[in-house]
Protein backbone atom coordinates (compact mmCIF):
# COMPACT_ATOMS: atom_id res chain seq x y z
CA MET A 1 69.45 191.33 8.79
CA PHE A 2 71.51 188.09 8.99
CA ALA A 3 71.10 187.16 5.28
CA GLY A 4 74.11 185.34 3.88
CA LEU A 5 75.42 183.75 7.10
CA PRO A 6 74.35 180.17 6.20
CA GLU A 7 76.28 180.48 2.90
CA LEU A 8 79.45 181.04 4.92
CA GLY A 9 78.68 178.21 7.36
CA ILE A 10 77.82 180.57 10.20
CA ALA A 11 74.77 179.85 12.36
CA ASN A 12 72.07 182.51 12.58
CA GLY A 13 68.85 183.09 14.51
CA GLU A 14 66.98 180.39 12.62
CA ASP A 15 69.60 177.81 13.67
CA LEU A 16 69.25 178.82 17.32
CA LYS A 17 65.46 178.60 17.05
CA GLU A 18 65.71 175.08 15.60
CA THR A 19 68.19 174.01 18.32
CA LEU A 20 65.93 175.22 21.12
CA THR A 21 62.87 173.60 19.53
CA ASN A 22 64.48 170.18 19.37
CA CYS A 23 66.51 170.14 22.65
CA THR A 24 65.52 168.73 26.04
CA GLU A 25 67.79 171.03 28.11
CA PRO A 26 67.55 174.64 26.76
CA LEU A 27 70.20 176.15 29.06
CA LYS A 28 72.80 173.60 28.03
CA ALA A 29 71.81 174.10 24.39
CA ILE A 30 72.31 177.88 24.68
CA ASP A 31 75.74 177.39 26.32
CA GLN A 32 76.72 175.00 23.54
CA PHE A 33 75.51 177.47 20.85
CA GLN A 34 77.53 180.27 22.47
CA MET A 35 80.65 178.10 22.65
CA GLU A 36 80.42 177.11 18.99
CA ASN A 37 79.53 180.53 17.58
CA GLY A 38 81.28 182.94 19.94
CA ILE A 39 84.77 184.37 19.51
CA LEU A 40 87.05 181.32 19.24
CA LEU A 41 89.76 182.52 21.59
CA PRO A 42 90.56 180.15 24.51
CA THR A 43 91.87 182.90 26.80
CA LEU A 44 88.60 184.78 26.42
CA GLN A 45 86.51 182.12 28.16
CA SER A 46 87.79 183.06 31.62
CA ALA A 47 87.34 186.77 30.95
CA LEU A 48 83.66 186.59 29.99
CA PRO A 49 82.42 185.64 33.52
CA PHE A 50 84.52 188.53 34.87
CA LEU A 51 82.71 190.93 32.52
CA ASP A 52 79.41 189.40 33.67
CA LEU A 53 80.30 190.25 37.28
CA HIS A 54 80.79 193.90 36.27
CA GLY A 55 77.38 194.02 34.60
CA THR A 56 78.73 194.33 31.03
CA PRO A 57 76.23 192.71 28.66
CA ARG A 58 77.67 190.08 26.35
CA LEU A 59 76.06 191.85 23.38
CA GLU A 60 77.83 195.12 24.18
CA PHE A 61 81.17 193.32 24.49
CA HIS A 62 80.77 191.38 21.26
CA GLN A 63 79.57 194.49 19.42
CA SER A 64 82.64 196.48 20.49
CA VAL A 65 84.93 193.64 19.40
CA PHE A 66 83.05 193.38 16.10
CA ASP A 67 83.36 197.13 15.42
CA GLU A 68 87.08 197.06 16.14
CA LEU A 69 87.65 194.07 13.86
CA ARG A 70 85.58 195.66 11.08
CA ASP A 71 87.62 198.88 11.23
CA LYS A 72 90.85 196.85 11.15
CA LEU A 73 89.57 194.87 8.16
CA MET A 74 88.67 198.05 6.25
CA GLU A 75 92.14 199.44 6.93
CA ARG A 76 93.59 196.14 5.69
CA VAL A 77 91.54 196.40 2.48
CA ALA A 78 92.94 199.88 1.86
CA THR A 79 96.47 198.60 2.49
CA ILE A 80 95.98 195.69 0.08
CA ALA A 81 94.67 198.11 -2.56
CA GLU A 82 97.95 200.04 -2.39
CA GLY A 83 100.09 196.89 -2.84
CA LYS A 84 101.55 195.28 -5.95
CA GLU A 85 99.04 195.32 -8.81
CA ASP A 86 98.87 191.58 -9.63
CA ASP A 87 98.81 190.50 -6.01
CA ARG A 88 96.31 193.05 -4.76
CA TYR A 89 93.58 192.27 -7.28
CA VAL A 90 93.73 188.54 -6.49
CA LYS A 91 93.45 189.22 -2.75
CA LEU A 92 90.61 191.71 -3.21
CA GLU A 93 88.67 189.35 -5.45
CA GLU A 94 89.08 186.53 -2.88
CA LEU A 95 87.87 188.83 -0.11
CA LEU A 96 84.92 189.91 -2.26
CA GLU A 97 83.86 186.30 -2.82
CA LYS A 98 83.94 185.64 0.94
CA SER A 99 82.20 188.84 2.00
CA PHE A 100 79.66 189.54 -0.78
CA PRO A 101 77.03 187.11 0.58
CA LEU A 102 76.82 189.45 3.62
CA VAL A 103 76.38 192.63 1.55
CA LYS A 104 72.79 193.06 2.82
CA MET A 105 73.94 192.92 6.47
CA PRO A 106 74.25 196.59 7.60
CA SER A 107 77.22 195.91 9.90
CA ILE A 108 79.23 194.10 7.19
CA GLN A 109 78.10 196.16 4.20
CA PRO A 110 80.80 198.88 4.59
CA VAL A 111 83.52 196.23 4.25
CA VAL A 112 81.98 194.81 1.07
CA MET A 113 81.60 198.30 -0.39
CA GLN A 114 85.22 199.08 0.47
CA VAL A 115 86.38 195.98 -1.45
CA LEU A 116 84.16 196.85 -4.43
CA LYS A 117 85.47 200.42 -4.44
CA HIS A 118 89.10 199.32 -4.78
CA LEU A 119 88.52 196.74 -7.51
CA PRO A 120 89.28 198.30 -10.93
CA LYS A 121 87.08 195.68 -12.57
CA VAL A 122 84.25 194.27 -10.48
CA PRO A 123 82.98 190.87 -11.74
CA GLU A 124 80.02 191.35 -14.05
CA LYS A 125 77.77 189.13 -11.92
CA LYS A 126 78.37 191.27 -8.82
CA LEU A 127 77.75 194.48 -10.77
CA LYS A 128 74.39 193.18 -11.96
CA LEU A 129 73.40 192.25 -8.41
CA VAL A 130 74.30 195.74 -7.15
CA MET A 131 72.48 197.44 -10.05
CA ALA A 132 69.35 195.35 -9.49
CA ASP A 133 69.11 196.35 -5.83
CA LYS A 134 68.21 200.04 -5.41
CA GLU A 135 69.48 200.22 -1.84
CA LEU A 136 72.85 198.67 -2.73
CA TYR A 137 73.18 200.86 -5.82
CA LYS A 138 72.47 203.94 -3.75
CA VAL A 139 75.22 203.29 -1.18
CA CYS A 140 77.95 201.96 -3.48
CA ALA A 141 80.94 204.21 -4.24
CA VAL A 142 81.12 206.28 -7.42
CA GLN A 143 84.07 204.08 -8.53
CA VAL A 144 81.65 201.13 -8.68
CA LYS A 145 78.86 203.17 -10.27
CA ARG A 146 81.19 204.19 -13.10
CA GLN A 147 81.61 200.52 -14.02
CA ILE A 148 77.83 200.14 -14.04
CA TRP A 149 77.21 203.35 -15.99
CA GLN A 150 79.67 202.70 -18.79
CA ASP A 151 77.49 199.85 -20.06
CA ASN A 152 74.15 201.42 -19.12
CA GLN A 153 73.78 204.76 -20.89
CA ALA A 154 70.12 205.15 -19.89
CA LEU A 155 70.94 204.74 -16.19
CA PHE A 156 73.84 207.19 -16.49
CA GLY A 157 71.54 209.61 -18.29
CA ASP A 158 69.08 209.41 -15.39
CA GLU A 159 71.89 210.35 -12.99
CA VAL A 160 73.26 213.17 -15.13
CA SER A 161 69.98 214.73 -16.28
CA PRO A 162 69.10 216.49 -12.98
CA LEU A 163 72.59 218.00 -12.87
CA LEU A 164 72.31 219.38 -16.40
CA LYS A 165 68.91 220.89 -15.58
CA GLN A 166 70.34 222.43 -12.40
CA TYR A 167 73.21 223.94 -14.41
CA ILE A 168 70.86 225.64 -16.88
CA VAL A 169 68.65 226.95 -14.06
CA GLU A 170 71.70 228.44 -12.34
CA LYS A 171 72.95 230.13 -15.53
CA GLU A 172 69.54 231.62 -16.31
CA ALA A 173 69.16 232.76 -12.71
CA ALA A 174 72.51 234.56 -13.02
CA LEU A 175 71.20 236.46 -16.06
CA PHE A 176 68.20 237.61 -14.02
CA SER A 177 70.30 238.33 -10.95
CA SER A 178 69.17 241.17 -8.71
CA ASP A 179 72.74 242.49 -8.91
CA LEU A 180 72.79 245.18 -11.60
CA SER A 181 76.25 246.55 -12.29
CA ILE A 182 78.77 246.95 -15.08
CA LEU A 183 81.47 245.56 -12.78
CA HIS A 184 79.56 242.53 -11.46
CA ASN A 185 77.74 240.97 -14.37
CA PHE A 186 77.28 237.55 -15.96
CA PHE A 187 80.82 237.61 -17.40
CA SER A 188 82.62 238.85 -14.28
CA SER A 189 83.58 235.53 -12.71
CA SER A 190 86.85 233.91 -13.80
CA PRO A 191 86.85 230.58 -15.69
CA LYS A 192 88.57 228.87 -12.75
CA ALA A 193 85.93 230.12 -10.31
CA ARG A 194 83.12 228.93 -12.58
CA ARG A 195 84.65 225.47 -12.68
CA GLN A 196 84.28 225.26 -8.91
CA GLY A 197 80.50 225.19 -9.29
CA GLU A 198 78.64 222.23 -7.81
CA VAL A 199 77.44 220.77 -11.11
CA VAL A 200 80.84 220.83 -12.83
CA LEU A 201 82.56 219.29 -9.80
CA ARG A 202 79.97 216.53 -9.48
CA LEU A 203 80.10 215.70 -13.19
CA THR A 204 83.89 215.61 -13.04
CA GLN A 205 83.72 213.22 -10.10
CA MET A 206 81.17 211.01 -11.85
CA ILE A 207 83.36 210.77 -14.96
CA GLY A 208 86.67 210.26 -13.15
CA LYS A 209 89.18 208.92 -15.71
CA ASN A 210 86.55 207.05 -17.71
CA VAL A 211 86.71 208.14 -21.36
CA LYS A 212 83.49 206.30 -22.19
CA LEU A 213 81.51 208.26 -19.58
CA TYR A 214 83.09 211.53 -20.75
CA ASP A 215 81.98 210.80 -24.31
CA MET A 216 78.46 210.04 -23.05
CA VAL A 217 78.24 213.41 -21.28
CA LEU A 218 79.43 215.19 -24.43
CA GLN A 219 76.76 213.37 -26.42
CA PHE A 220 74.11 214.43 -23.90
CA LEU A 221 75.29 218.06 -24.23
CA ARG A 222 75.23 217.97 -28.05
CA THR A 223 71.75 216.46 -28.05
CA LEU A 224 70.37 219.00 -25.56
CA PHE A 225 72.01 221.88 -27.44
CA LEU A 226 70.35 220.71 -30.66
CA ARG A 227 67.00 220.26 -28.94
CA THR A 228 66.94 223.59 -27.09
CA ARG A 229 69.49 225.88 -28.83
CA ASN A 230 70.53 226.84 -25.29
CA VAL A 231 74.13 228.11 -25.49
CA HIS A 232 74.78 227.36 -21.80
CA TYR A 233 75.30 223.71 -22.80
CA CYS A 234 78.27 224.95 -24.85
CA THR A 235 79.66 226.64 -21.74
CA LEU A 236 79.38 223.40 -19.79
CA ARG A 237 81.14 221.49 -22.58
CA ALA A 238 84.18 223.78 -22.21
CA GLU A 239 84.05 223.98 -18.40
CA LEU A 240 83.92 220.21 -18.04
CA LEU A 241 87.01 219.69 -20.20
CA MET A 242 88.95 222.40 -18.34
CA SER A 243 87.88 220.98 -14.97
CA LEU A 244 89.42 217.63 -15.99
CA HIS A 245 92.48 219.58 -17.16
CA ASP A 246 92.78 221.22 -13.72
CA LEU A 247 92.75 217.75 -12.14
CA ASP A 248 95.40 216.58 -14.62
CA ILE A 249 93.20 213.75 -15.93
CA SER A 250 95.50 212.97 -18.86
CA GLU A 251 93.51 209.83 -19.75
CA ILE A 252 90.77 212.14 -21.08
CA CYS A 253 92.60 215.36 -21.95
CA SER A 254 95.08 213.52 -24.16
CA VAL A 255 92.31 211.96 -26.29
CA ASP A 256 90.02 215.01 -26.58
CA PRO A 257 91.20 216.78 -29.78
CA CYS A 258 89.73 220.06 -28.48
CA HIS A 259 91.86 220.10 -25.32
CA LYS A 260 94.73 222.40 -26.37
CA PHE A 261 92.41 224.74 -28.27
CA THR A 262 90.09 225.02 -25.24
CA TRP A 263 93.05 225.53 -22.89
CA CYS A 264 94.37 228.40 -25.02
CA LEU A 265 90.91 229.96 -25.40
CA ASP A 266 90.37 229.61 -21.64
CA ALA A 267 93.43 231.81 -21.05
CA CYS A 268 91.99 234.42 -23.45
CA ILE A 269 88.63 234.36 -21.63
CA ARG A 270 90.45 234.88 -18.34
CA GLU A 271 92.16 238.00 -19.80
CA LYS A 272 89.00 239.04 -21.72
CA PHE A 273 91.20 239.59 -24.76
CA VAL A 274 92.76 237.51 -27.55
CA ASP A 275 96.28 238.86 -28.10
CA GLY A 276 98.30 238.30 -31.27
CA LYS A 277 100.32 235.37 -29.94
CA ARG A 278 97.30 233.42 -28.74
CA ALA A 279 95.41 234.31 -31.92
CA ARG A 280 98.14 232.56 -33.93
CA GLU A 281 98.02 229.54 -31.59
CA LEU A 282 94.25 229.27 -32.02
CA GLN A 283 94.61 229.62 -35.78
CA GLY A 284 97.16 226.79 -35.76
CA PHE A 285 94.64 224.49 -34.06
CA LEU A 286 91.90 225.41 -36.54
CA ASP A 287 94.16 224.97 -39.56
CA GLY A 288 95.53 221.74 -38.10
CA VAL A 289 92.25 219.83 -38.41
CA LYS A 290 93.24 216.94 -40.67
CA LYS A 291 91.28 215.41 -43.49
CA GLY A 292 89.04 212.69 -42.14
CA GLN A 293 88.89 214.36 -38.71
CA GLU A 294 86.61 217.24 -39.69
CA GLN A 295 84.06 216.12 -37.09
CA VAL A 296 86.17 217.87 -34.46
CA LEU A 297 84.89 221.16 -35.94
CA GLY A 298 81.51 220.36 -34.38
CA ASP A 299 83.00 220.35 -30.90
CA LEU A 300 85.25 223.34 -31.62
CA SER A 301 82.19 225.29 -32.81
CA MET A 302 80.37 224.41 -29.55
CA ILE A 303 83.33 225.63 -27.51
CA LEU A 304 83.38 228.89 -29.49
CA CYS A 305 79.59 229.20 -29.10
CA ASP A 306 80.06 229.43 -25.34
CA PRO A 307 78.84 232.98 -24.45
CA PHE A 308 82.05 233.57 -22.46
CA ALA A 309 84.08 232.81 -25.60
CA SER A 310 81.81 234.96 -27.83
CA ASN A 311 82.04 237.83 -25.34
CA THR A 312 85.86 237.65 -25.41
CA LEU A 313 85.99 237.49 -29.20
CA VAL A 314 83.68 240.48 -29.75
CA LEU A 315 85.46 242.61 -27.13
CA SER A 316 88.74 241.76 -28.88
CA ILE A 317 87.27 242.70 -32.27
CA ILE A 318 86.13 246.10 -30.97
CA ARG A 319 89.58 246.69 -29.48
CA ASN A 320 91.14 245.72 -32.82
CA LEU A 321 88.89 248.17 -34.65
CA GLN A 322 89.98 250.97 -32.32
CA GLU A 323 93.63 250.15 -33.02
CA LEU A 324 92.98 250.15 -36.76
CA LEU A 325 91.36 253.59 -36.46
CA SER A 326 94.46 254.95 -34.73
CA GLN A 327 96.60 253.50 -37.55
CA ASP A 328 94.32 254.66 -40.39
CA ALA A 329 94.08 251.01 -41.51
CA LEU A 330 91.21 248.98 -42.91
CA PRO A 331 89.73 245.81 -41.33
CA ARG A 332 90.76 243.64 -44.28
CA ASP A 333 94.41 244.53 -43.60
CA SER A 334 94.40 242.93 -40.11
CA PRO A 335 95.02 239.13 -40.02
CA ASP A 336 94.22 239.06 -36.28
CA LEU A 337 90.85 240.71 -36.86
CA LEU A 338 90.01 238.30 -39.68
CA LEU A 339 90.84 235.34 -37.43
CA LEU A 340 88.63 236.71 -34.64
CA LEU A 341 85.78 237.06 -37.13
CA ARG A 342 86.44 233.54 -38.38
CA MET A 343 86.20 232.11 -34.86
CA LEU A 344 83.11 234.17 -34.04
CA SER A 345 81.47 232.91 -37.24
CA LEU A 346 82.37 229.28 -36.39
CA GLY A 347 80.88 229.68 -32.91
CA GLN A 348 77.73 231.33 -34.22
CA GLY A 349 77.29 228.48 -36.70
CA ALA A 350 77.63 225.70 -34.08
CA TRP A 351 73.97 224.67 -34.10
CA ASP A 352 73.81 224.47 -37.90
CA ILE A 353 77.05 222.46 -38.11
CA ILE A 354 75.98 219.87 -35.51
CA ASP A 355 72.41 219.69 -36.83
CA SER A 356 73.43 219.19 -40.47
CA GLN A 357 76.47 217.03 -39.62
CA VAL A 358 78.30 218.93 -42.37
CA PHE A 359 81.59 219.66 -40.66
CA LYS A 360 82.84 222.69 -42.57
CA GLU A 361 83.61 226.16 -41.32
CA PRO A 362 80.85 228.59 -42.35
CA ARG A 363 82.11 231.01 -44.95
CA LEU A 364 82.52 234.52 -43.56
CA ASP A 365 80.51 237.04 -45.56
CA LEU A 366 83.15 239.25 -47.19
CA GLU A 367 80.78 242.22 -47.07
CA VAL A 368 81.02 242.12 -43.27
CA VAL A 369 84.73 242.89 -43.67
CA THR A 370 84.59 245.20 -46.68
CA ARG A 371 81.38 247.14 -45.95
CA PHE A 372 79.90 246.54 -42.49
CA LEU A 373 83.05 247.00 -40.40
CA PRO A 374 84.24 250.12 -42.32
CA ALA A 375 80.73 251.56 -41.85
CA MET A 376 80.95 250.73 -38.16
CA MET A 377 84.35 252.45 -37.93
CA THR A 378 82.83 255.50 -39.62
CA VAL A 379 80.10 255.57 -36.98
CA VAL A 380 82.73 255.35 -34.21
CA VAL A 381 84.63 258.31 -35.69
CA ASP A 382 81.47 260.35 -36.28
CA ASP A 383 80.24 259.68 -32.74
CA HIS A 384 83.54 260.80 -31.26
CA THR A 385 83.72 263.87 -33.52
CA PHE A 386 80.13 264.81 -32.67
CA ILE A 387 80.90 264.69 -28.92
CA VAL A 388 83.97 266.90 -29.37
CA GLU A 389 81.98 269.24 -31.62
CA GLN A 390 79.29 269.75 -28.97
CA LYS A 391 81.91 270.91 -26.45
CA LEU A 392 83.23 273.67 -28.72
CA PRO A 393 82.03 277.29 -28.43
CA SER A 394 79.12 277.97 -30.80
CA GLU A 395 81.21 280.19 -33.07
CA GLU A 396 83.72 277.36 -33.64
CA LYS A 397 81.16 274.68 -34.51
CA THR A 398 81.00 273.48 -38.10
CA SER A 399 77.97 272.26 -39.98
CA LEU A 400 78.75 268.66 -39.00
CA SER A 401 75.78 266.44 -39.64
CA TYR A 402 74.52 263.94 -37.05
CA PRO A 403 76.55 260.68 -37.16
CA ALA A 404 75.48 258.05 -39.65
CA ALA A 405 74.05 254.71 -38.57
CA VAL A 406 75.33 251.20 -39.17
CA PRO A 407 73.52 249.67 -42.20
CA ASP A 408 70.39 247.94 -40.87
CA VAL A 409 70.46 245.10 -43.37
CA TYR A 410 73.52 243.53 -41.74
CA LEU A 411 71.95 243.54 -38.29
CA GLN A 412 68.92 241.76 -39.72
CA ASP A 413 70.54 239.18 -41.98
CA ASN A 414 74.01 238.45 -40.60
CA ARG A 415 74.51 237.00 -37.10
CA VAL A 416 78.19 238.01 -36.86
CA ALA A 417 77.39 241.60 -37.83
CA CYS A 418 74.39 241.64 -35.47
CA GLU A 419 76.55 240.50 -32.53
CA MET A 420 79.07 243.23 -33.36
CA GLY A 421 76.35 245.87 -33.62
CA LEU A 422 74.86 244.94 -30.24
CA TYR A 423 78.26 245.05 -28.55
CA TYR A 424 78.84 248.48 -30.08
CA VAL A 425 75.66 249.64 -28.34
CA LEU A 426 77.12 248.32 -25.07
CA HIS A 427 80.41 250.04 -25.89
CA ILE A 428 78.84 253.46 -26.29
CA ALA A 429 76.77 252.94 -23.13
CA LYS A 430 79.99 252.18 -21.26
CA LEU A 431 81.41 255.45 -22.62
CA ARG A 432 78.23 257.22 -21.35
CA ASN A 433 77.61 258.44 -24.91
CA LYS A 434 74.00 259.49 -24.43
CA ASN A 435 73.61 261.03 -27.89
CA ALA A 436 74.69 257.89 -29.74
CA LEU A 437 72.54 255.72 -27.46
CA GLN A 438 69.48 257.89 -28.12
CA ARG A 439 70.04 257.36 -31.83
CA LEU A 440 70.77 253.62 -31.80
CA LEU A 441 68.30 252.18 -29.28
CA PRO A 442 65.14 253.25 -31.19
CA ALA A 443 66.73 251.89 -34.38
CA LEU A 444 67.19 248.53 -32.64
CA GLY A 445 63.59 248.64 -31.43
CA GLU A 446 62.32 249.05 -35.00
CA LEU A 447 64.57 246.31 -36.43
CA ASP A 448 64.02 242.58 -36.57
CA THR A 449 67.57 241.78 -35.50
CA TYR A 450 68.99 238.37 -36.43
CA ASN A 451 67.24 235.70 -34.33
CA ASP A 452 65.85 238.55 -32.18
CA MET A 453 69.31 238.85 -30.57
CA ALA A 454 68.55 242.39 -29.36
CA PHE A 455 65.98 240.94 -26.97
CA GLY A 456 68.03 237.96 -25.82
CA ASP A 457 68.79 237.58 -22.13
CA ILE A 458 72.55 238.03 -22.43
CA PHE A 459 72.34 241.35 -24.28
CA LEU A 460 69.56 242.70 -22.04
CA HIS A 461 71.46 241.61 -18.92
CA LEU A 462 74.53 243.54 -20.09
CA LEU A 463 72.58 246.55 -21.40
CA THR A 464 70.64 247.07 -18.15
CA GLY A 465 73.91 246.92 -16.22
CA HIS A 466 75.57 249.42 -18.58
CA LEU A 467 72.59 251.79 -18.33
CA THR A 468 73.31 252.22 -14.61
CA LEU A 469 76.23 254.41 -15.75
CA LEU A 470 73.65 256.83 -17.17
CA SER A 471 71.30 256.66 -14.18
CA ASP A 472 71.02 260.46 -13.84
CA GLU A 473 69.75 260.71 -17.43
CA PHE A 474 66.57 258.83 -16.45
CA GLY A 475 65.36 262.08 -14.91
CA SER A 476 64.84 263.31 -18.48
CA GLU A 477 61.58 262.53 -20.28
CA GLU A 478 63.43 262.35 -23.59
CA PHE A 479 65.91 259.71 -22.36
CA CYS A 480 63.16 257.64 -20.69
CA SER A 481 61.18 257.71 -23.91
CA VAL A 482 64.20 256.50 -25.91
CA VAL A 483 65.07 253.63 -23.52
CA PHE A 484 61.56 252.43 -22.73
CA ASP A 485 59.20 253.48 -25.54
CA GLY A 486 61.88 253.41 -28.23
CA PHE A 487 63.38 250.04 -27.34
CA LEU A 488 62.46 247.95 -24.28
CA LEU A 489 58.67 248.29 -24.43
CA THR A 490 58.51 247.49 -28.16
CA SER A 491 58.46 243.74 -27.42
CA PHE A 492 57.88 243.30 -23.67
CA SER A 493 54.25 242.19 -24.08
CA SER A 494 55.24 239.20 -26.22
CA LYS A 495 58.51 238.42 -24.45
CA GLU A 496 58.34 237.81 -20.72
CA ASN A 497 62.12 237.88 -20.40
CA VAL A 498 62.14 241.52 -21.60
CA HIS A 499 59.42 242.33 -19.04
CA ARG A 500 61.59 240.85 -16.28
CA HIS A 501 64.73 242.75 -17.37
CA ILE A 502 62.82 246.05 -17.34
CA LEU A 503 61.62 245.37 -13.80
CA ARG A 504 65.15 244.35 -12.73
CA MET A 505 66.45 247.69 -13.96
CA LEU A 506 63.65 249.70 -12.33
CA LEU A 507 64.32 248.00 -8.99
CA HIS A 508 67.72 249.71 -9.07
CA LEU A 509 66.93 252.95 -10.86
CA HIS A 510 63.33 253.76 -9.83
CA HIS A 511 64.47 256.67 -7.63
CA LYS A 512 66.22 258.22 -10.67
CA VAL A 513 63.33 257.84 -13.11
CA LEU A 514 61.13 260.87 -13.81
CA PRO A 515 58.04 260.39 -11.53
CA SER A 516 55.53 260.90 -14.34
CA CYS A 517 57.34 258.31 -16.49
CA LEU A 518 57.58 255.90 -13.57
CA GLU A 519 53.87 256.13 -12.90
CA THR A 520 53.08 255.30 -16.54
CA LEU A 521 55.60 252.47 -16.53
CA MET A 522 54.08 250.85 -13.46
CA LYS A 523 50.68 250.72 -15.16
CA THR A 524 52.18 249.38 -18.37
CA LEU A 525 54.32 246.76 -16.62
CA GLU A 526 51.59 245.28 -14.43
CA PRO A 527 51.91 241.51 -15.00
CA PRO A 528 49.13 239.71 -16.88
CA LYS A 529 47.21 236.99 -15.06
CA GLN A 530 48.97 234.25 -17.01
CA CYS A 531 52.60 234.88 -16.17
CA SER A 532 55.44 233.26 -14.25
CA GLU A 533 55.99 233.59 -10.52
CA PRO A 534 59.41 235.33 -10.94
CA LEU A 535 57.72 238.09 -12.96
CA LYS A 536 55.00 238.56 -10.33
CA GLU A 537 57.64 238.60 -7.60
CA LEU A 538 59.71 241.28 -9.35
CA TYR A 539 56.68 243.53 -9.83
CA SER A 540 55.69 242.99 -6.21
CA GLN A 541 59.20 243.93 -5.02
CA LEU A 542 59.16 247.09 -7.11
CA THR A 543 55.70 248.06 -5.81
CA GLU A 544 56.88 247.60 -2.21
CA LYS A 545 59.95 249.74 -2.85
CA LEU A 546 57.85 252.54 -4.31
CA GLU A 547 55.41 252.38 -1.38
CA ALA A 548 58.29 252.54 1.10
CA GLN A 549 59.73 255.50 -0.81
CA LYS A 550 56.42 257.38 -0.53
CA LYS A 551 56.32 256.86 3.23
CA THR A 552 59.84 258.23 3.71
CA PRO A 553 59.57 261.94 4.61
CA PRO A 554 61.21 264.25 2.08
CA PRO A 555 64.45 265.89 3.21
CA SER A 556 63.95 269.24 4.97
CA ASP A 557 65.02 272.41 3.19
CA GLU A 558 66.41 273.77 6.46
CA ALA A 559 70.02 272.98 7.22
CA PRO A 560 70.41 270.60 10.17
CA SER A 561 71.54 272.01 13.48
CA LEU A 562 75.26 271.63 14.01
CA ASP A 563 75.35 272.25 17.77
CA LEU A 564 78.72 270.82 18.72
CA GLY A 565 78.66 272.18 22.26
CA LEU A 566 81.13 275.00 21.53
CA HIS A 567 80.98 278.33 23.34
CA PRO A 568 79.92 281.26 21.15
CA VAL A 569 82.62 283.72 20.20
CA SER A 570 81.62 287.37 19.74
CA VAL A 571 82.88 288.88 16.52
CA PRO A 572 82.93 292.65 16.34
CA THR A 573 81.15 294.05 13.30
CA SER A 574 80.21 297.48 12.05
CA THR A 575 76.95 296.42 10.41
CA PRO A 576 73.98 294.56 11.88
CA THR A 577 73.78 290.91 10.82
CA THR A 578 70.81 288.62 10.41
CA PRO A 579 71.20 285.39 12.31
CA ARG A 580 71.00 282.22 10.17
CA SER A 581 68.39 279.64 11.04
CA GLY A 582 69.45 276.25 12.49
């Protein structure tokens, strides 16, 4: 507790013990020890006996004086830290030398830590002593830890790793959220709100203005993205940069070549649309990558691989296609559309670019522009025409055939086309186009879509939310068969995530589903013995809801009594009337 006092020439308990062991008059020895080691203030000597008379223990008095002096010293340290640069560092270093031997003393430790905190460069020897002592390392300020971390990547990785895991857990939990709605889904929150999350704020604080630490975090994210293919690491890469931008950390933002591109894209994500002006700005950044700096394409591809960026790009592409339809124009005639496809392709190719270390933009398949998108536009027109046709009187209907389908080969072999096709399914669900949905969902179920994207968590999260718009249709056996047998159940046994998304949807729509279909579904969806706890929990929740629903008495056919306490009024009538019940 009193370690370090001898170094400063201050007597401690061991000195008192030695004095009492070797003295002949203990009381005189104690008085002498108190005189030499007490507060050296002459006017205080007469006051101490007065405090004794009032029953105030000497320890209590000295402790209160000590606390007051410590607080004053900490204030003084803060004041010195705000002074002239050259002068303040000299004073702080002198104070550190005098106080550091007492760093293990709990009462003095806050002062030492305050000095360390305000030193922009702590002496290497002191840093090593702090790092070697777990207790000291734990209580030192983040400003000191940054100086330790920048030369100890493994230690920094140990600190950051739990935060990165927490971030992924939170993102995946959001995709399996119990909230099922087209208005409140994974993409509903604004970029600024997402940057207020605990993990992003803590990482931002840990990095501060330290470029070296920022580069380390980016390297961790690239490595984890390569190892797991988890696109949420790409989201964190963008969120971290924009969080530093919000705090105006120019030391980092000015040296990250992706800063302006990410800032512009962030505005597009906020609006959920890439307008013409911003599209040209983004194109300028992409075209401005200089020879010898192609490596920046790896980071740009990660930023575009962020699901929030992909979502914005695809929604913008669909909106562009609708505008082209109204203008009778072809996709290849729209520079904005071609740029959106270029960025979507760069984002989709992020893993391959970083893995291969070949920093070139992936070439966009021209057939996507010349064949797939025109075919998709044809489907849009046919779907719309078919809906209008069905509303006409039978004598005015033509022999219009059922709308064509998007060529399957593109959904299987091309990731950009597959992403577009899946978002078109969401688009028609949003329009409540039951006929088109009944045609497309079974087709998706039969296809091996690129990288199994049709059964990815993001698409299933959005699809289940969009299907709530067609909740009344689940009372039809035909619609249930299309959604469940035709699509969702085709892979649920081999993919637990699909199983969970089906149960999420049924938790919200079970009262709308045809009872006979629901009964079959419950048998089919019973979890296997070897499954995760979240899956078991979802099935249990659904079972409880169905049991509670059975116990609720069905509504009475009789109209409820509306006795409002009014006096009856006789109405003359020429024919006898039958009184109504209730």
